[in-house]
N, C-alpha and C. Protein backbone atom coordinates (compact mmCIF):
# COMPACT_ATOMS: atom_id res chain seq x y z
N MET A 1 1.93 -12.10 -4.02
CA MET A 1 0.64 -11.63 -4.14
C MET A 1 0.41 -10.71 -3.07
N ALA A 2 -0.07 -9.90 -3.51
CA ALA A 2 -0.42 -8.49 -2.50
C ALA A 2 -1.72 -9.54 -1.38
N ALA A 3 -1.73 -9.01 -0.18
CA ALA A 3 -3.21 -9.94 0.25
C ALA A 3 -4.32 -8.74 1.18
N TYR A 4 -3.76 -6.91 0.98
CA TYR A 4 -4.53 -6.12 0.88
C TYR A 4 -4.69 -4.90 0.21
N CYS A 5 -5.64 -4.34 0.26
CA CYS A 5 -6.01 -3.18 -0.30
C CYS A 5 -5.61 -2.22 0.38
N LEU A 6 -5.34 -1.05 -0.01
CA LEU A 6 -5.04 -0.31 0.87
C LEU A 6 -5.18 1.44 0.88
N ASP A 7 -5.46 2.09 1.19
CA ASP A 7 -6.14 3.40 1.14
C ASP A 7 -5.18 4.52 1.82
N THR A 8 -5.06 5.91 1.35
CA THR A 8 -3.48 6.65 2.45
C THR A 8 -4.25 6.86 3.88
N SER A 9 -5.30 6.58 4.24
CA SER A 9 -5.15 7.00 5.47
C SER A 9 -4.73 5.52 6.08
N GLY A 10 -4.86 4.57 5.81
CA GLY A 10 -4.42 3.28 6.29
C GLY A 10 -2.68 3.76 7.05
N PHE A 11 -2.21 4.96 6.74
CA PHE A 11 -0.90 4.95 6.72
C PHE A 11 -1.09 6.47 7.31
N SER A 12 -1.66 7.52 7.14
CA SER A 12 -1.59 8.67 7.28
C SER A 12 -2.04 9.09 8.79
N ASN A 13 -3.50 8.36 9.16
CA ASN A 13 -3.75 8.66 10.14
C ASN A 13 -3.84 8.06 11.44
N PRO A 14 -2.69 6.32 10.71
CA PRO A 14 -1.66 6.13 12.24
C PRO A 14 -0.42 6.70 12.45
N LEU A 15 -0.03 7.26 11.97
CA LEU A 15 1.33 8.17 11.59
C LEU A 15 0.81 9.58 12.64
N GLU A 16 -0.16 10.22 12.67
CA GLU A 16 -0.47 10.99 13.52
C GLU A 16 -0.68 10.76 14.70
N ASN A 17 -0.83 9.81 14.93
CA ASN A 17 -1.13 9.28 16.59
C ASN A 17 0.14 8.26 17.22
N LEU A 18 0.64 8.06 15.95
CA LEU A 18 1.93 6.68 16.40
C LEU A 18 3.36 7.43 15.50
N PRO A 19 3.77 8.49 15.79
CA PRO A 19 5.30 8.94 15.01
C PRO A 19 5.87 7.90 14.75
N GLU A 20 6.74 8.39 13.39
CA GLU A 20 7.64 6.64 13.28
C GLU A 20 8.83 7.14 14.43
N ASP A 21 9.58 8.21 14.86
CA ASP A 21 10.27 8.65 15.86
C ASP A 21 9.87 7.92 17.23
N ILE A 22 8.60 8.15 17.47
CA ILE A 22 8.41 7.14 18.47
C ILE A 22 8.55 5.60 18.71
N PHE A 23 7.42 5.61 17.73
CA PHE A 23 6.83 4.33 17.61
C PHE A 23 7.74 3.49 16.70
N ALA A 24 9.36 3.33 16.92
CA ALA A 24 10.05 3.24 15.78
C ALA A 24 9.84 1.63 15.43
N SER A 25 9.90 0.65 16.22
CA SER A 25 9.47 -0.94 15.95
C SER A 25 8.60 -1.31 15.12
N LEU A 26 6.86 -0.47 15.81
CA LEU A 26 5.97 -0.82 14.66
C LEU A 26 6.44 -0.67 13.29
N TRP A 27 6.65 0.99 12.81
CA TRP A 27 6.64 1.30 11.86
C TRP A 27 7.84 0.03 11.13
N ALA A 28 8.64 -0.28 11.75
CA ALA A 28 9.67 -1.20 11.44
C ALA A 28 9.19 -2.63 10.33
N GLN A 29 7.75 -3.26 11.37
CA GLN A 29 7.35 -4.04 10.97
C GLN A 29 6.39 -3.84 9.50
N VAL A 30 5.73 -2.03 9.77
CA VAL A 30 4.86 -1.93 8.64
C VAL A 30 5.48 -2.25 7.64
N MET A 31 7.05 -1.37 7.41
CA MET A 31 7.81 -1.53 6.35
C MET A 31 8.04 -3.24 5.71
N LYS A 32 7.98 -3.93 6.36
CA LYS A 32 8.37 -5.23 6.07
C LYS A 32 7.42 -5.86 5.11
N VAL A 33 6.14 -5.55 5.86
CA VAL A 33 4.60 -5.96 5.30
C VAL A 33 4.86 -5.18 3.98
N VAL A 34 5.60 -4.30 3.44
CA VAL A 34 5.08 -3.00 2.38
C VAL A 34 6.23 -3.89 1.71
N GLU A 35 7.57 -4.32 2.26
CA GLU A 35 8.56 -4.60 0.69
C GLU A 35 8.44 -6.31 0.92
N ALA A 36 7.78 -6.94 0.82
CA ALA A 36 7.15 -8.31 1.40
C ALA A 36 6.15 -7.89 -0.11
N GLY A 37 5.75 -7.25 -0.63
CA GLY A 37 4.58 -6.92 -1.51
C GLY A 37 2.91 -7.77 -1.03
N LYS A 38 2.49 -7.53 0.44
CA LYS A 38 1.40 -7.77 0.46
C LYS A 38 0.83 -6.80 0.63
N LEU A 39 0.78 -5.33 0.43
CA LEU A 39 -0.23 -4.80 -0.26
C LEU A 39 -0.23 -3.74 -1.30
N CYS A 40 -1.24 -3.24 -2.12
CA CYS A 40 -1.99 -2.92 -2.89
C CYS A 40 -2.53 -1.53 -2.78
N CYS A 41 -2.51 -1.40 -4.25
CA CYS A 41 -3.60 0.20 -4.27
C CYS A 41 -3.61 0.16 -5.73
N ASN A 42 -4.42 1.57 -6.09
CA ASN A 42 -4.23 1.49 -7.03
C ASN A 42 -3.48 3.48 -7.22
N THR A 43 -3.57 3.58 -8.70
CA THR A 43 -2.56 4.89 -9.06
C THR A 43 -3.23 6.11 -8.25
N GLU A 44 -4.31 5.95 -8.08
CA GLU A 44 -4.58 7.36 -7.31
C GLU A 44 -4.14 7.53 -5.80
N ILE A 45 -4.24 6.07 -5.53
CA ILE A 45 -3.64 5.91 -3.76
C ILE A 45 -2.25 6.20 -3.57
N LEU A 46 -1.59 5.66 -5.44
CA LEU A 46 -0.40 5.54 -4.80
C LEU A 46 0.04 6.99 -5.15
N THR A 47 -0.65 8.23 -5.75
CA THR A 47 -0.30 8.94 -5.89
C THR A 47 -0.63 9.84 -4.30
N GLU A 48 -1.01 9.19 -4.14
CA GLU A 48 -1.08 10.23 -2.43
C GLU A 48 -0.12 9.88 -1.90
N LEU A 49 -0.16 8.45 -1.62
CA LEU A 49 1.05 8.21 -0.54
C LEU A 49 2.29 8.44 -0.67
N GLY A 50 2.70 9.07 -1.93
CA GLY A 50 3.63 10.13 -2.13
C GLY A 50 3.87 11.09 -1.25
N SER A 51 2.95 11.43 -0.57
CA SER A 51 2.95 12.90 0.84
C SER A 51 3.38 12.23 1.64
N ILE A 52 3.54 10.98 1.88
CA ILE A 52 4.02 10.32 2.82
C ILE A 52 5.33 10.81 3.31
N GLU A 53 5.81 11.55 4.31
CA GLU A 53 7.16 11.32 4.57
C GLU A 53 8.23 10.24 5.42
N GLY A 54 9.25 10.83 5.88
CA GLY A 54 10.38 9.68 6.25
C GLY A 54 10.31 8.57 5.80
N LYS A 55 11.07 7.05 6.91
CA LYS A 55 11.30 6.08 6.23
C LYS A 55 10.20 5.09 6.03
N LEU A 56 8.78 5.72 6.58
CA LEU A 56 7.86 4.86 5.44
C LEU A 56 7.38 5.33 4.34
N GLY A 57 7.39 6.95 4.00
CA GLY A 57 7.41 7.27 2.82
C GLY A 57 8.19 6.70 1.83
N GLU A 58 9.52 6.64 1.98
CA GLU A 58 10.77 5.99 1.98
C GLU A 58 10.20 4.85 1.01
N CYS A 59 10.04 3.90 1.93
CA CYS A 59 9.90 2.71 1.42
C CYS A 59 8.45 2.57 0.65
N LEU A 60 7.87 3.45 0.94
CA LEU A 60 6.11 3.64 -0.16
C LEU A 60 6.96 3.19 -1.59
N LYS A 61 7.54 4.63 -1.61
CA LYS A 61 8.26 5.24 -2.68
C LYS A 61 8.64 4.22 -3.53
N SER A 62 9.78 3.51 -3.08
CA SER A 62 10.96 2.55 -3.04
C SER A 62 9.67 0.87 -3.54
N CYS A 63 8.74 1.23 -3.31
CA CYS A 63 7.85 -0.09 -3.98
C CYS A 63 6.66 -0.32 -4.38
N ALA A 64 6.67 1.11 -4.89
CA ALA A 64 5.36 1.77 -5.47
C ALA A 64 5.34 0.75 -6.76
N GLU A 65 5.81 0.77 -7.64
CA GLU A 65 5.61 0.21 -9.02
C GLU A 65 5.14 -1.47 -8.43
N SER A 66 5.67 -2.38 -7.18
CA SER A 66 4.73 -3.15 -7.50
C SER A 66 3.47 -3.25 -6.46
N MET A 67 3.42 -2.17 -5.56
CA MET A 67 2.23 -1.92 -5.15
C MET A 67 1.01 -1.57 -5.83
N CYS A 68 1.26 -1.03 -7.41
CA CYS A 68 -0.12 -0.22 -7.86
C CYS A 68 -0.65 -1.56 -9.25
N TYR A 69 -1.94 -1.90 -8.67
CA TYR A 69 -2.75 -3.01 -9.17
C TYR A 69 -3.91 -1.82 -10.21
N GLU A 70 -3.73 -2.36 -11.48
CA GLU A 70 -4.81 -1.44 -11.96
C GLU A 70 -5.53 -2.70 -13.08
N ILE A 71 -6.86 -2.05 -13.40
CA ILE A 71 -7.55 -3.60 -14.39
C ILE A 71 -6.34 -3.30 -15.87
N GLY A 72 -6.68 -4.49 -16.02
CA GLY A 72 -5.47 -4.41 -17.27
C GLY A 72 -4.42 -5.11 -17.11
N ASP A 73 -3.74 -4.97 -16.16
CA ASP A 73 -2.70 -5.20 -15.44
C ASP A 73 -2.22 -7.03 -15.59
N ASP A 74 -0.93 -7.29 -16.33
CA ASP A 74 -1.15 -8.78 -16.29
C ASP A 74 -0.24 -9.34 -15.28
N LYS A 75 -0.07 -8.33 -13.97
CA LYS A 75 0.54 -9.04 -13.16
C LYS A 75 -0.61 -9.56 -11.72
N TRP A 76 -1.25 -9.09 -12.09
CA TRP A 76 -2.26 -9.94 -11.24
C TRP A 76 -3.69 -10.46 -11.65
N PRO A 77 -5.01 -11.36 -11.47
CA PRO A 77 -5.74 -11.55 -12.25
C PRO A 77 -6.72 -10.72 -11.72
N TRP A 78 -7.02 -9.58 -12.64
CA TRP A 78 -7.56 -8.62 -12.53
C TRP A 78 -8.94 -9.12 -13.03
N SER A 79 -9.21 -9.87 -13.68
CA SER A 79 -10.71 -10.79 -14.40
C SER A 79 -11.31 -10.99 -13.77
N GLU A 80 -10.85 -11.72 -12.25
CA GLU A 80 -11.42 -12.50 -11.41
C GLU A 80 -11.43 -11.89 -10.29
N TYR A 81 -11.18 -10.37 -10.66
CA TYR A 81 -11.73 -10.13 -9.59
C TYR A 81 -13.20 -8.87 -9.77
N LEU A 82 -13.14 -8.74 -11.03
CA LEU A 82 -14.32 -8.01 -12.08
C LEU A 82 -15.78 -9.08 -11.83
N ASP A 83 -14.92 -10.26 -12.09
CA ASP A 83 -16.04 -11.55 -11.78
C ASP A 83 -17.00 -11.36 -10.53
N CYS A 84 -15.98 -11.39 -9.23
CA CYS A 84 -16.13 -11.26 -7.90
C CYS A 84 -17.11 -10.33 -7.71
N VAL A 85 -17.04 -8.99 -8.40
CA VAL A 85 -17.55 -7.51 -8.38
C VAL A 85 -18.49 -7.60 -8.39
N GLU A 86 -18.78 -8.41 -10.23
CA GLU A 86 -20.13 -8.66 -10.53
C GLU A 86 -21.10 -9.28 -9.42
N LYS A 87 -20.53 -10.79 -9.22
CA LYS A 87 -21.76 -11.47 -8.02
C LYS A 87 -21.96 -10.64 -6.69
N LEU A 88 -20.90 -10.10 -6.41
CA LEU A 88 -21.57 -9.03 -4.88
C LEU A 88 -22.18 -8.40 -5.77
């Protein structure tokens, strides 16, 4: 189950200052988190993530299906999420 919900800038902004070819070990650890299924996003963010290039981009694309969480999708407890939002 995912532990973190993300936005495209969570990857694109750091990549500007910490490029993959210089900070390879950092991005290798990030890719492990992606591959472990710890990150999720919605369809719109997933589409934006498709513009990220390099090894990270390939990793994100290969994990895209498991990362995408939408209301009504039975792979996660979306009704509990909506209840929480309602309470907030």
